[in-house]
Amino acid sequence: MNSGTRGTGRAGGRHGVRRVRRAAVAAMAVGALTGMLAACGGDSLEEQGSGDASGGAKGELVVGAAGFTEAKVMGELYKQLLDDAGYDVTLRTVENREIYAPQLEKGAIDIVPEYAATLAEFLNLDENGPDAEPVASSDVDATVDALRKLAEPRGLKVLPPGEAVDQNAFAVSREFAEEHNLKTLSDLGKSGVKVKIAAGDECETRPFCAPGLEKTYGIDVAGIDPKGVGTTQAKQAVKNGTDQMVLTTTTDATLDNFDLVLLEDDKKLQNADNLLPVVNAEEAGDQEIADVLGKLTETLTTDDLAELNRKVDEERQKEADVAAEYLESKGLTEK
């Protein structure tokens, strides 16, 4: 579906009759999605409303989030900010992008927290096929520009990115870093030390993993230990010296538990997966919504995101509680 089917007679129309129609469409979409998820073997779809049966004064919104900790936390942050601004918000958890992206285009979901480079390549492959030339890079501005060119014809509006980024990252033990005087991946390449990487088995061929480390940094990769990306087993293998480096992410909140430290990607091997809101332009393209979400985007850092993840994954706090505490601590909502 393209933007030409979306933009007629909707200026300023976030209230009243349109919301009755939207409720019916959303209900049908939920039913269709639920059936699809059941057929796919149990992928989850959960909804959490604001509890205001009368609806918010500024209209209803549906925030979608993927089914992993970070996305759920981001969904809660969006929901609570918009609730506080006077909207009636439902949070819908959908297992993956393949399921929620079409719903965002159709307007059954209004807003999602997204990752610039990942979404750009997702849309690029969908639009141009599996052999499409990559459009994402380590340059966040160029990546977001490419994303907008792909998103706008689908009726999607990409809001500005923030500092918070969730990228592939590589960690070593603190002892190993101190022994070889390592702070960056360039330092590791210059050291000439061979490393075995605890990662997913695809690391052997992915350009942002072993091949990229060898080409960009001159790192001597001795092999891949297929223990997964950032898993407990992978990090334990580096802690005990079985492996020398682990593939994880910049928002991994458990590295200290294993006495591991990240090496800086100083030559920008990884793509710019900065977090940003993506909205259905017709249903949630108002500047007020952009302004509300922009306050969070401008505030949230990568370290903040890692700490929010840690509170959920380690302390077993609820995503809603973690989000509420963060928003209040930053003065973005009132108690």
C-alpha atoms as a PDB file:
ATOM      1  CA  MET A   1       0.000   0.000   0.000  1.00  0.00           C
ATOM      2  CA  ASN A   2       1.397   3.437  -0.848  1.00  0.00           C
ATOM      3  CA  SER A   3       0.900   6.930   0.489  1.00  0.00           C
ATOM      4  CA  GLY A   4      -1.386   7.833  -2.396  1.00  0.00           C
ATOM      5  CA  THR A   5      -4.188   5.792  -0.804  1.00  0.00           C
ATOM      6  CA  ARG A   6      -3.812   7.453   2.581  1.00  0.00           C
ATOM      7  CA  GLY A   7      -3.809  11.217   2.488  1.00  0.00           C
ATOM      8  CA  THR A   8      -7.291  12.363   1.479  1.00  0.00           C
ATOM      9  CA  GLY A   9      -9.592  14.307   3.760  1.00  0.00           C
ATOM     10  CA  ARG A  10      -7.762  13.513   7.008  1.00  0.00           C
ATOM     11  CA  ALA A  11      -6.289  16.852   8.092  1.00  0.00           C
ATOM     12  CA  GLY A  12      -6.600  17.214  11.838  1.00  0.00           C
ATOM     13  CA  GLY A  13      -8.851  14.156  12.076  1.00  0.00           C
ATOM     14  CA  ARG A  14      -7.692  12.347  15.212  1.00  0.00           C
ATOM     15  CA  HIS A  15     -11.077  12.319  16.996  1.00  0.00           C
ATOM     16  CA  GLY A  16     -14.718  11.324  16.748  1.00  0.00           C
ATOM     17  CA  VAL A  17     -16.097   9.132  13.985  1.00  0.00           C
ATOM     18  CA  ARG A  18     -12.697   8.096  12.655  1.00  0.00           C
ATOM     19  CA  ARG A  19     -11.865   6.473  15.962  1.00  0.00           C
ATOM     20  CA  VAL A  20     -15.051   4.392  15.834  1.00  0.00           C
ATOM     21  CA  ARG A  21     -13.936   3.103  12.447  1.00  0.00           C
ATOM     22  CA  ARG A  22     -10.401   2.572  13.740  1.00  0.00           C
ATOM     23  CA  ALA A  23     -11.658   0.534  16.689  1.00  0.00           C
ATOM     24  CA  ALA A  24     -13.475  -1.806  14.329  1.00  0.00           C
ATOM     25  CA  VAL A  25     -10.454  -2.124  12.059  1.00  0.00           C
ATOM     26  CA  ALA A  26      -8.168  -2.747  15.018  1.00  0.00           C
ATOM     27  CA  ALA A  27     -10.513  -5.385  16.404  1.00  0.00           C
ATOM     28  CA  MET A  28     -10.538  -7.230  13.081  1.00  0.00           C
ATOM     29  CA  ALA A  29      -6.751  -6.932  12.866  1.00  0.00           C
ATOM     30  CA  VAL A  30      -6.319  -8.354  16.346  1.00  0.00           C
ATOM     31  CA  GLY A  31      -8.523 -11.297  15.435  1.00  0.00           C
ATOM     32  CA  ALA A  32      -6.603 -11.909  12.246  1.00  0.00           C
ATOM     33  CA  LEU A  33      -3.282 -11.602  14.009  1.00  0.00           C
ATOM     34  CA  THR A  34      -4.313 -13.916  16.810  1.00  0.00           C
ATOM     35  CA  GLY A  35      -5.269 -16.589  14.293  1.00  0.00           C
ATOM     36  CA  MET A  36      -2.025 -16.076  12.412  1.00  0.00           C
ATOM     37  CA  LEU A  37       0.038 -16.344  15.574  1.00  0.00           C
ATOM     38  CA  ALA A  38      -1.726 -19.515  16.662  1.00  0.00           C
ATOM     39  CA  ALA A  39      -1.040 -21.011  13.250  1.00  0.00           C
ATOM     40  CA  CYS A  40       2.626 -20.060  13.556  1.00  0.00           C
ATOM     41  CA  GLY A  41       3.085 -22.185  16.634  1.00  0.00           C
ATOM     42  CA  GLY A  42       2.399 -19.972  19.604  1.00  0.00           C
ATOM     43  CA  ASP A  43       4.003 -16.575  18.907  1.00  0.00           C
ATOM     44  CA  SER A  44       2.528 -14.213  21.438  1.00  0.00           C
ATOM     45  CA  LEU A  45       0.326 -11.185  21.032  1.00  0.00           C
ATOM     46  CA  GLU A  46      -0.539  -9.394  24.219  1.00  0.00           C
ATOM     47  CA  GLU A  47      -2.462  -6.196  24.767  1.00  0.00           C
ATOM     48  CA  GLN A  48      -2.357  -3.828  27.686  1.00  0.00           C
ATOM     49  CA  GLY A  49      -4.759  -0.901  27.716  1.00  0.00           C
ATOM     50  CA  SER A  50      -4.657   2.270  29.743  1.00  0.00           C
ATOM     51  CA  GLY A  51      -7.758   1.262  31.668  1.00  0.00           C
ATOM     52  CA  ASP A  52      -9.659   4.391  30.588  1.00  0.00           C
ATOM     53  CA  ALA A  53     -12.851   2.993  29.070  1.00  0.00           C
ATOM     54  CA  SER A  54     -14.031   6.471  28.024  1.00  0.00           C
ATOM     55  CA  GLY A  55     -10.950   7.032  25.854  1.00  0.00           C
ATOM     56  CA  GLY A  56      -8.302   9.716  26.168  1.00  0.00           C
ATOM     57  CA  ALA A  57      -9.265  13.302  25.414  1.00  0.00           C
ATOM     58  CA  LYS A  58      -6.905  13.359  22.441  1.00  0.00           C
ATOM     59  CA  GLY A  59      -7.958  10.032  20.942  1.00  0.00           C
ATOM     60  CA  GLU A  60      -6.811   6.417  20.922  1.00  0.00           C
ATOM     61  CA  LEU A  61      -3.409   5.086  19.926  1.00  0.00           C
ATOM     62  CA  VAL A  62      -1.951   1.595  19.615  1.00  0.00           C
ATOM     63  CA  VAL A  63       1.752   1.198  20.380  1.00  0.00           C
ATOM     64  CA  GLY A  64       3.330  -2.002  19.084  1.00  0.00           C
ATOM     65  CA  ALA A  65       6.478  -3.627  20.416  1.00  0.00           C
ATOM     66  CA  ALA A  66       8.428  -6.751  19.526  1.00  0.00           C
ATOM     67  CA  GLY A  67       8.550  -9.614  22.014  1.00  0.00           C
ATOM     68  CA  PHE A  68      11.948  -9.085  23.664  1.00  0.00           C
ATOM     69  CA  THR A  69      12.865  -7.160  26.800  1.00  0.00           C
ATOM     70  CA  GLU A  70      14.235  -3.997  25.241  1.00  0.00           C
ATOM     71  CA  ALA A  71      11.347  -3.569  22.824  1.00  0.00           C
ATOM     72  CA  LYS A  72       8.818  -4.185  25.594  1.00  0.00           C
ATOM     73  CA  VAL A  73      10.469  -1.535  27.771  1.00  0.00           C
ATOM     74  CA  MET A  74      10.482   0.930  24.875  1.00  0.00           C
ATOM     75  CA  GLY A  75       6.831   0.179  24.220  1.00  0.00           C
ATOM     76  CA  GLU A  76       6.015   0.945  27.850  1.00  0.00           C
ATOM     77  CA  LEU A  77       7.983   4.189  27.710  1.00  0.00           C
ATOM     78  CA  TYR A  78       6.038   5.298  24.628  1.00  0.00           C
ATOM     79  CA  LYS A  79       2.713   4.211  26.102  1.00  0.00           C
ATOM     80  CA  GLN A  80       3.194   5.978  29.408  1.00  0.00           C
ATOM     81  CA  LEU A  81       4.464   9.192  27.816  1.00  0.00           C
ATOM     82  CA  LEU A  82       1.482   9.344  25.499  1.00  0.00           C
ATOM     83  CA  ASP A  83      -0.947   8.429  28.296  1.00  0.00           C
ATOM     84  CA  ASP A  84       0.497  11.302  30.308  1.00  0.00           C
ATOM     85  CA  ALA A  85      -0.013  13.625  27.325  1.00  0.00           C
ATOM     86  CA  GLY A  86      -3.734  12.825  27.224  1.00  0.00           C
ATOM     87  CA  TYR A  87      -4.030   9.961  24.745  1.00  0.00           C
ATOM     88  CA  ASP A  88      -5.741   6.646  25.440  1.00  0.00           C
ATOM     89  CA  VAL A  89      -3.003   4.143  24.611  1.00  0.00           C
ATOM     90  CA  THR A  90      -3.045   0.385  24.165  1.00  0.00           C
ATOM     91  CA  LEU A  91       0.272  -1.463  24.153  1.00  0.00           C
ATOM     92  CA  ARG A  92       0.328  -4.499  21.878  1.00  0.00           C
ATOM     93  CA  THR A  93       3.243  -6.958  22.066  1.00  0.00           C
ATOM     94  CA  VAL A  94       3.850  -8.781  18.786  1.00  0.00           C
ATOM     95  CA  GLU A  95       6.562 -11.390  18.423  1.00  0.00           C
ATOM     96  CA  ASN A  96       8.509 -10.026  15.482  1.00  0.00           C
ATOM     97  CA  ARG A  97       8.855  -7.370  12.767  1.00  0.00           C
ATOM     98  CA  GLU A  98       7.496  -9.638  10.050  1.00  0.00           C
ATOM     99  CA  ILE A  99       4.162  -9.586  11.869  1.00  0.00           C
ATOM    100  CA  TYR A 100       3.944  -6.041  13.208  1.00  0.00           C
ATOM    101  CA  ALA A 101       5.330  -4.156  10.183  1.00  0.00           C
ATOM    102  CA  PRO A 102       2.305  -4.856   7.941  1.00  0.00           C
ATOM    103  CA  GLN A 103      -0.014  -3.896  10.812  1.00  0.00           C
ATOM    104  CA  LEU A 104       1.809  -0.584  11.173  1.00  0.00           C
ATOM    105  CA  GLU A 105       1.336   0.127   7.473  1.00  0.00           C
ATOM    106  CA  LYS A 106      -2.374  -0.728   7.670  1.00  0.00           C
ATOM    107  CA  GLY A 107      -2.940   1.434  10.746  1.00  0.00           C
ATOM    108  CA  ALA A 108      -3.925  -1.383  13.121  1.00  0.00           C
ATOM    109  CA  ILE A 109      -0.778  -0.350  15.006  1.00  0.00           C
ATOM    110  CA  ASP A 110       0.028   3.362  15.141  1.00  0.00           C
ATOM    111  CA  ILE A 111       3.520   3.580  16.604  1.00  0.00           C
ATOM    112  CA  VAL A 112       6.515   1.293  17.138  1.00  0.00           C
ATOM    113  CA  PRO A 113       9.988   1.775  18.620  1.00  0.00           C
ATOM    114  CA  GLU A 114      12.451   0.792  15.906  1.00  0.00           C
ATOM    115  CA  TYR A 115      16.135   0.471  15.006  1.00  0.00           C
ATOM    116  CA  ALA A 116      17.236   2.645  12.087  1.00  0.00           C
ATOM    117  CA  ALA A 117      19.620   0.333  10.224  1.00  0.00           C
ATOM    118  CA  THR A 118      17.702  -2.876  10.854  1.00  0.00           C
ATOM    119  CA  LEU A 119      14.388  -1.441   9.678  1.00  0.00           C
ATOM    120  CA  ALA A 120      16.049   0.198   6.668  1.00  0.00           C
ATOM    121  CA  GLU A 121      17.443  -3.143   5.523  1.00  0.00           C
ATOM    122  CA  PHE A 122      14.190  -4.948   6.313  1.00  0.00           C
ATOM    123  CA  LEU A 123      12.271  -2.580   4.040  1.00  0.00           C
ATOM    124  CA  ASN A 124      15.082  -2.571   1.482  1.00  0.00           C
ATOM    125  CA  LEU A 125      14.978  -6.349   1.103  1.00  0.00           C
ATOM    126  CA  ASP A 126      11.188  -6.356   1.024  1.00  0.00           C
ATOM    127  CA  GLU A 127      11.161  -3.678  -1.677  1.00  0.00           C
ATOM    128  CA  ASN A 128      14.166  -4.685  -3.771  1.00  0.00           C
ATOM    129  CA  GLY A 129      14.648  -8.404  -3.164  1.00  0.00           C
ATOM    130  CA  PRO A 130      17.244 -10.541  -1.358  1.00  0.00           C
ATOM    131  CA  ASP A 131      20.123  -9.309  -3.530  1.00  0.00           C
ATOM    132  CA  ALA A 132      19.443  -5.626  -2.870  1.00  0.00           C
ATOM    133  CA  GLU A 133      22.464  -3.403  -2.309  1.00  0.00           C
ATOM    134  CA  PRO A 134      22.605  -2.436   1.402  1.00  0.00           C
ATOM    135  CA  VAL A 135      21.314   1.044   2.233  1.00  0.00           C
ATOM    136  CA  ALA A 136      22.294   1.183   5.926  1.00  0.00           C
ATOM    137  CA  SER A 137      25.730   2.163   7.171  1.00  0.00           C
ATOM    138  CA  SER A 138      27.484   3.427  10.296  1.00  0.00           C
ATOM    139  CA  ASP A 139      26.393   6.978   9.329  1.00  0.00           C
ATOM    140  CA  VAL A 140      23.162   7.533  11.244  1.00  0.00           C
ATOM    141  CA  ASP A 141      22.016  10.504   9.142  1.00  0.00           C
ATOM    142  CA  ALA A 142      22.538   8.668   5.854  1.00  0.00           C
ATOM    143  CA  THR A 143      20.871   5.550   7.244  1.00  0.00           C
ATOM    144  CA  VAL A 144      17.814   7.455   8.452  1.00  0.00           C
ATOM    145  CA  ASP A 145      17.556   9.264   5.105  1.00  0.00           C
ATOM    146  CA  ALA A 146      17.574   5.893   3.319  1.00  0.00           C
ATOM    147  CA  LEU A 147      14.991   4.565   5.757  1.00  0.00           C
ATOM    148  CA  ARG A 148      12.673   7.513   5.146  1.00  0.00           C
ATOM    149  CA  LYS A 149      12.835   7.025   1.376  1.00  0.00           C
ATOM    150  CA  LEU A 150      11.687   3.438   1.843  1.00  0.00           C
ATOM    151  CA  ALA A 151       9.144   4.147   4.590  1.00  0.00           C
ATOM    152  CA  GLU A 152       7.277   7.166   3.258  1.00  0.00           C
ATOM    153  CA  PRO A 153       5.731   5.434   0.200  1.00  0.00           C
ATOM    154  CA  ARG A 154       4.312   2.879   2.650  1.00  0.00           C
ATOM    155  CA  GLY A 155       2.547   5.595   4.624  1.00  0.00           C
ATOM    156  CA  LEU A 156       5.092   5.549   7.452  1.00  0.00           C
ATOM    157  CA  LYS A 157       6.701   8.558   9.116  1.00  0.00           C
ATOM    158  CA  VAL A 158      10.173   8.114  10.598  1.00  0.00           C
ATOM    159  CA  LEU A 159      10.802  10.438  13.546  1.00  0.00           C
ATOM    160  CA  PRO A 160      14.293  11.702  14.439  1.00  0.00           C
ATOM    161  CA  PRO A 161      16.768   9.227  15.981  1.00  0.00           C
ATOM    162  CA  GLY A 162      18.403   9.621  19.355  1.00  0.00           C
ATOM    163  CA  GLU A 163      21.731   8.797  20.931  1.00  0.00           C
ATOM    164  CA  ALA A 164      20.616   5.405  22.257  1.00  0.00           C
ATOM    165  CA  VAL A 165      21.841   2.635  19.979  1.00  0.00           C
ATOM    166  CA  ASP A 166      21.664  -1.141  20.120  1.00  0.00           C
ATOM    167  CA  GLN A 167      24.406  -2.543  17.884  1.00  0.00           C
ATOM    168  CA  ASN A 168      26.517  -5.634  17.683  1.00  0.00           C
ATOM    169  CA  ALA A 169      29.447  -5.241  20.068  1.00  0.00           C
ATOM    170  CA  PHE A 170      32.458  -7.287  21.129  1.00  0.00           C
ATOM    171  CA  ALA A 171      33.613  -7.839  24.686  1.00  0.00           C
ATOM    172  CA  VAL A 172      36.691  -9.389  26.268  1.00  0.00           C
ATOM    173  CA  SER A 173      37.553 -10.191  29.855  1.00  0.00           C
ATOM    174  CA  ARG A 174      38.853  -7.283  31.905  1.00  0.00           C
ATOM    175  CA  GLU A 175      41.991  -9.289  32.605  1.00  0.00           C
ATOM    176  CA  PHE A 176      42.568  -9.907  28.879  1.00  0.00           C
ATOM    177  CA  ALA A 177      42.039  -6.212  28.087  1.00  0.00           C
ATOM    178  CA  GLU A 178      44.497  -5.116  30.764  1.00  0.00           C
ATOM    179  CA  GLU A 179      47.081  -7.716  29.776  1.00  0.00           C
ATOM    180  CA  HIS A 180      47.124  -6.524  26.153  1.00  0.00           C
ATOM    181  CA  ASN A 181      46.285  -2.849  26.793  1.00  0.00           C
ATOM    182  CA  LEU A 182      43.019  -3.014  24.842  1.00  0.00           C
ATOM    183  CA  LYS A 183      40.369  -0.324  24.701  1.00  0.00           C
ATOM    184  CA  THR A 184      39.329  -0.493  21.053  1.00  0.00           C
ATOM    185  CA  LEU A 185      38.998  -3.101  18.351  1.00  0.00           C
ATOM    186  CA  SER A 186      41.886  -1.350  16.588  1.00  0.00           C
ATOM    187  CA  ASP A 187      44.022  -2.035  19.659  1.00  0.00           C
ATOM    188  CA  LEU A 188      43.168  -5.726  19.380  1.00  0.00           C
ATOM    189  CA  GLY A 189      44.096  -5.808  15.700  1.00  0.00           C
ATOM    190  CA  LYS A 190      47.421  -4.098  16.360  1.00  0.00           C
ATOM    191  CA  SER A 191      48.198  -6.496  19.210  1.00  0.00           C
ATOM    192  CA  GLY A 192      48.344  -9.482  16.841  1.00  0.00           C
ATOM    193  CA  VAL A 193      46.709 -11.691  19.468  1.00  0.00           C
ATOM    194  CA  LYS A 194      44.568 -14.514  18.081  1.00  0.00           C
ATOM    195  CA  VAL A 195      41.020 -14.656  19.371  1.00  0.00           C
ATOM    196  CA  LYS A 196      38.322 -17.287  19.335  1.00  0.00           C
ATOM    197  CA  ILE A 197      34.892 -15.643  19.311  1.00  0.00           C
ATOM    198  CA  ALA A 198      31.894 -16.945  21.236  1.00  0.00           C
ATOM    199  CA  ALA A 199      28.991 -16.075  18.928  1.00  0.00           C
ATOM    200  CA  GLY A 200      26.324 -17.501  16.680  1.00  0.00           C
ATOM    201  CA  ASP A 201      27.658 -19.824  14.001  1.00  0.00           C
ATOM    202  CA  GLU A 202      26.694 -17.271  11.336  1.00  0.00           C
ATOM    203  CA  CYS A 203      29.486 -15.020  12.668  1.00  0.00           C
ATOM    204  CA  GLU A 204      31.868 -16.907  10.424  1.00  0.00           C
ATOM    205  CA  THR A 205      30.302 -15.406   7.296  1.00  0.00           C
ATOM    206  CA  ARG A 206      28.483 -12.231   8.387  1.00  0.00           C
ATOM    207  CA  PRO A 207      30.245  -9.026   7.240  1.00  0.00           C
ATOM    208  CA  PHE A 208      29.729  -7.372  10.625  1.00  0.00           C
ATOM    209  CA  CYS A 209      31.315 -10.253  12.512  1.00  0.00           C
ATOM    210  CA  ALA A 210      34.461 -12.297  11.774  1.00  0.00           C
ATOM    211  CA  PRO A 211      35.012 -11.156   8.154  1.00  0.00           C
ATOM    212  CA  GLY A 212      34.521  -7.519   9.139  1.00  0.00           C
ATOM    213  CA  LEU A 213      36.817  -7.803  12.141  1.00  0.00           C
ATOM    214  CA  GLU A 214      39.522  -9.253   9.935  1.00  0.00           C
ATOM    215  CA  LYS A 215      39.072  -6.786   7.067  1.00  0.00           C
ATOM    216  CA  THR A 216      38.439  -3.583   9.022  1.00  0.00           C
ATOM    217  CA  TYR A 217      40.629  -4.141  12.054  1.00  0.00           C
ATOM    218  CA  GLY A 218      43.132  -6.810  11.035  1.00  0.00           C
ATOM    219  CA  ILE A 219      42.045  -8.990  13.941  1.00  0.00           C
ATOM    220  CA  ASP A 220      43.320 -12.567  13.787  1.00  0.00           C
ATOM    221  CA  VAL A 221      40.164 -14.662  14.279  1.00  0.00           C
ATOM    222  CA  ALA A 222      41.174 -18.205  15.205  1.00  0.00           C
ATOM    223  CA  GLY A 223      37.630 -19.582  15.076  1.00  0.00           C
ATOM    224  CA  ILE A 224      34.003 -19.292  16.159  1.00  0.00           C
ATOM    225  CA  ASP A 225      32.618 -21.033  19.230  1.00  0.00           C
ATOM    226  CA  PRO A 226      28.878 -21.339  18.389  1.00  0.00           C
ATOM    227  CA  LYS A 227      27.404 -20.472  21.774  1.00  0.00           C
ATOM    228  CA  GLY A 228      25.010 -17.772  20.551  1.00  0.00           C
ATOM    229  CA  VAL A 229      24.939 -13.977  20.671  1.00  0.00           C
ATOM    230  CA  GLY A 230      25.412 -12.643  24.180  1.00  0.00           C
ATOM    231  CA  THR A 231      24.214 -15.804  25.888  1.00  0.00           C
ATOM    232  CA  THR A 232      25.252 -16.719  29.403  1.00  0.00           C
ATOM    233  CA  GLN A 233      27.234 -19.658  28.013  1.00  0.00           C
ATOM    234  CA  ALA A 234      29.071 -17.403  25.559  1.00  0.00           C
ATOM    235  CA  LYS A 235      30.026 -14.861  28.196  1.00  0.00           C
ATOM    236  CA  GLN A 236      31.048 -17.583  30.639  1.00  0.00           C
ATOM    237  CA  ALA A 237      33.364 -19.045  27.985  1.00  0.00           C
ATOM    238  CA  VAL A 238      35.179 -15.714  27.735  1.00  0.00           C
ATOM    239  CA  LYS A 239      35.276 -15.254  31.483  1.00  0.00           C
ATOM    240  CA  ASN A 240      36.959 -18.645  32.000  1.00  0.00           C
ATOM    241  CA  GLY A 241      39.338 -18.205  29.059  1.00  0.00           C
ATOM    242  CA  THR A 242      37.935 -20.878  26.749  1.00  0.00           C
ATOM    243  CA  ASP A 243      37.272 -18.069  24.252  1.00  0.00           C
ATOM    244  CA  GLN A 244      38.825 -14.631  24.109  1.00  0.00           C
ATOM    245  CA  MET A 245      35.946 -12.506  22.807  1.00  0.00           C
ATOM    246  CA  VAL A 246      32.144 -12.599  22.763  1.00  0.00           C
ATOM    247  CA  LEU A 247      29.674 -11.120  20.300  1.00  0.00           C
ATOM    248  CA  THR A 248      26.997  -9.274  22.255  1.00  0.00           C
ATOM    249  CA  THR A 249      25.219  -5.895  22.004  1.00  0.00           C
ATOM    250  CA  THR A 250      25.853  -2.349  23.199  1.00  0.00           C
ATOM    251  CA  THR A 251      22.906  -2.599  25.597  1.00  0.00           C
ATOM    252  CA  ASP A 252      24.004  -5.848  27.272  1.00  0.00           C
ATOM    253  CA  ALA A 253      23.498  -5.116  30.957  1.00  0.00           C
ATOM    254  CA  THR A 254      25.172  -8.252  32.336  1.00  0.00           C
ATOM    255  CA  LEU A 255      28.796  -7.786  31.251  1.00  0.00           C
ATOM    256  CA  ASP A 256      29.916  -6.732  34.740  1.00  0.00           C
ATOM    257  CA  ASN A 257      28.601 -10.016  36.125  1.00  0.00           C
ATOM    258  CA  PHE A 258      31.212 -11.816  34.031  1.00  0.00           C
ATOM    259  CA  ASP A 259      33.917  -9.144  34.470  1.00  0.00           C
ATOM    260  CA  LEU A 260      33.801  -8.357  30.753  1.00  0.00           C
ATOM    261  CA  VAL A 261      34.384  -5.033  28.995  1.00  0.00           C
ATOM    262  CA  LEU A 262      33.349  -3.811  25.551  1.00  0.00           C
ATOM    263  CA  LEU A 263      35.996  -2.855  23.015  1.00  0.00           C
ATOM    264  CA  GLU A 264      35.108   0.332  21.159  1.00  0.00           C
ATOM    265  CA  ASP A 265      34.115  -0.025  17.500  1.00  0.00           C
ATOM    266  CA  ASP A 266      36.377   2.917  16.671  1.00  0.00           C
ATOM    267  CA  LYS A 267      36.311   2.431  12.878  1.00  0.00           C
ATOM    268  CA  LYS A 268      32.522   2.139  12.808  1.00  0.00           C
ATOM    269  CA  LEU A 269      32.168  -1.386  11.473  1.00  0.00           C
ATOM    270  CA  GLN A 270      28.621  -1.709  12.780  1.00  0.00           C
ATOM    271  CA  ASN A 271      25.568  -0.089  11.224  1.00  0.00           C
ATOM    272  CA  ALA A 272      23.749   2.784  12.915  1.00  0.00           C
ATOM    273  CA  ASP A 273      20.981   0.984  14.779  1.00  0.00           C
ATOM    274  CA  ASN A 274      19.902   4.065  16.707  1.00  0.00           C
ATOM    275  CA  LEU A 275      16.475   3.884  18.294  1.00  0.00           C
ATOM    276  CA  LEU A 276      13.693   6.005  16.838  1.00  0.00           C
ATOM    277  CA  PRO A 277       9.893   6.066  16.699  1.00  0.00           C
ATOM    278  CA  VAL A 278       8.165   5.060  13.478  1.00  0.00           C
ATOM    279  CA  VAL A 279       4.497   5.973  13.105  1.00  0.00           C
ATOM    280  CA  ASN A 280       1.647   5.446  10.700  1.00  0.00           C
ATOM    281  CA  ALA A 281       1.646   8.878   9.039  1.00  0.00           C
ATOM    282  CA  GLU A 282      -2.126   9.123   8.681  1.00  0.00           C
ATOM    283  CA  GLU A 283      -3.100   7.825  12.096  1.00  0.00           C
ATOM    284  CA  ALA A 284      -0.275   9.161  14.276  1.00  0.00           C
ATOM    285  CA  GLY A 285       1.553  11.717  12.166  1.00  0.00           C
ATOM    286  CA  ASP A 286       0.561  14.729  14.273  1.00  0.00           C
ATOM    287  CA  GLN A 287       3.374  17.030  15.367  1.00  0.00           C
ATOM    288  CA  GLU A 288       2.180  16.797  18.975  1.00  0.00           C
ATOM    289  CA  ILE A 289       2.835  13.049  19.008  1.00  0.00           C
ATOM    290  CA  ALA A 290       6.278  13.625  17.495  1.00  0.00           C
ATOM    291  CA  ASP A 291       7.016  16.239  20.160  1.00  0.00           C
ATOM    292  CA  VAL A 292       5.924  13.942  23.012  1.00  0.00           C
ATOM    293  CA  LEU A 293       8.039  11.028  21.809  1.00  0.00           C
ATOM    294  CA  GLY A 294      10.903  13.357  20.907  1.00  0.00           C
ATOM    295  CA  LYS A 295      11.408  14.260  24.564  1.00  0.00           C
ATOM    296  CA  LEU A 296      12.228  10.627  25.302  1.00  0.00           C
ATOM    297  CA  THR A 297      14.381  10.216  22.179  1.00  0.00           C
ATOM    298  CA  GLU A 298      16.469  13.233  23.183  1.00  0.00           C
ATOM    299  CA  THR A 299      16.882  11.967  26.760  1.00  0.00           C
ATOM    300  CA  LEU A 300      17.500   8.219  26.401  1.00  0.00           C
ATOM    301  CA  THR A 301      21.125   7.043  26.190  1.00  0.00           C
ATOM    302  CA  THR A 302      22.622   3.651  25.404  1.00  0.00           C
ATOM    303  CA  ASP A 303      23.660   3.299  29.055  1.00  0.00           C
ATOM    304  CA  ASP A 304      20.115   4.139  30.152  1.00  0.00           C
ATOM    305  CA  LEU A 305      18.755   1.429  27.885  1.00  0.00           C
ATOM    306  CA  ALA A 306      21.204  -1.138  29.214  1.00  0.00           C
ATOM    307  CA  GLU A 307      20.194  -0.306  32.781  1.00  0.00           C
ATOM    308  CA  LEU A 308      16.491  -0.584  31.966  1.00  0.00           C
ATOM    309  CA  ASN A 309      17.148  -3.992  30.404  1.00  0.00           C
ATOM    310  CA  ARG A 310      19.121  -5.047  33.479  1.00  0.00           C
ATOM    311  CA  LYS A 311      16.313  -4.159  35.862  1.00  0.00           C
ATOM    312  CA  VAL A 312      13.916  -6.364  33.917  1.00  0.00           C
ATOM    313  CA  ASP A 313      16.235  -9.276  33.135  1.00  0.00           C
ATOM    314  CA  GLU A 314      18.225  -9.428  36.388  1.00  0.00           C
ATOM    315  CA  GLU A 315      15.986  -7.884  39.031  1.00  0.00           C
ATOM    316  CA  ARG A 316      12.820  -9.292  37.449  1.00  0.00           C
ATOM    317  CA  GLN A 317      11.045  -5.953  37.663  1.00  0.00           C
ATOM    318  CA  LYS A 318       8.048  -5.391  35.411  1.00  0.00           C
ATOM    319  CA  GLU A 319       8.621  -3.421  32.218  1.00  0.00           C
ATOM    320  CA  ALA A 320       5.816  -1.023  33.184  1.00  0.00           C
ATOM    321  CA  ASP A 321       7.370  -0.272  36.575  1.00  0.00           C
ATOM    322  CA  VAL A 322      10.848   0.207  35.149  1.00  0.00           C
ATOM    323  CA  ALA A 323       9.504   2.571  32.496  1.00  0.00           C
ATOM    324  CA  ALA A 324       7.488   4.593  34.996  1.00  0.00           C
ATOM    325  CA  GLU A 325      10.459   5.022  37.314  1.00  0.00           C
ATOM    326  CA  TYR A 326      12.700   6.153  34.456  1.00  0.00           C
ATOM    327  CA  LEU A 327      10.230   8.688  33.062  1.00  0.00           C
ATOM    328  CA  GLU A 328       9.653  10.178  36.487  1.00  0.00           C
ATOM    329  CA  SER A 329      13.372  10.315  37.279  1.00  0.00           C
ATOM    330  CA  LYS A 330      14.010  12.269  34.065  1.00  0.00           C
ATOM    331  CA  GLY A 331      11.112  14.640  34.642  1.00  0.00           C
ATOM    332  CA  LEU A 332       9.275  13.388  31.557  1.00  0.00           C
ATOM    333  CA  THR A 333       6.141  12.455  33.519  1.00  0.00           C
ATOM    334  CA  GLU A 334       4.763  13.379  36.911  1.00  0.00           C
ATOM    335  CA  LYS A 335       4.156  10.912  39.732  1.00  0.00           C
END
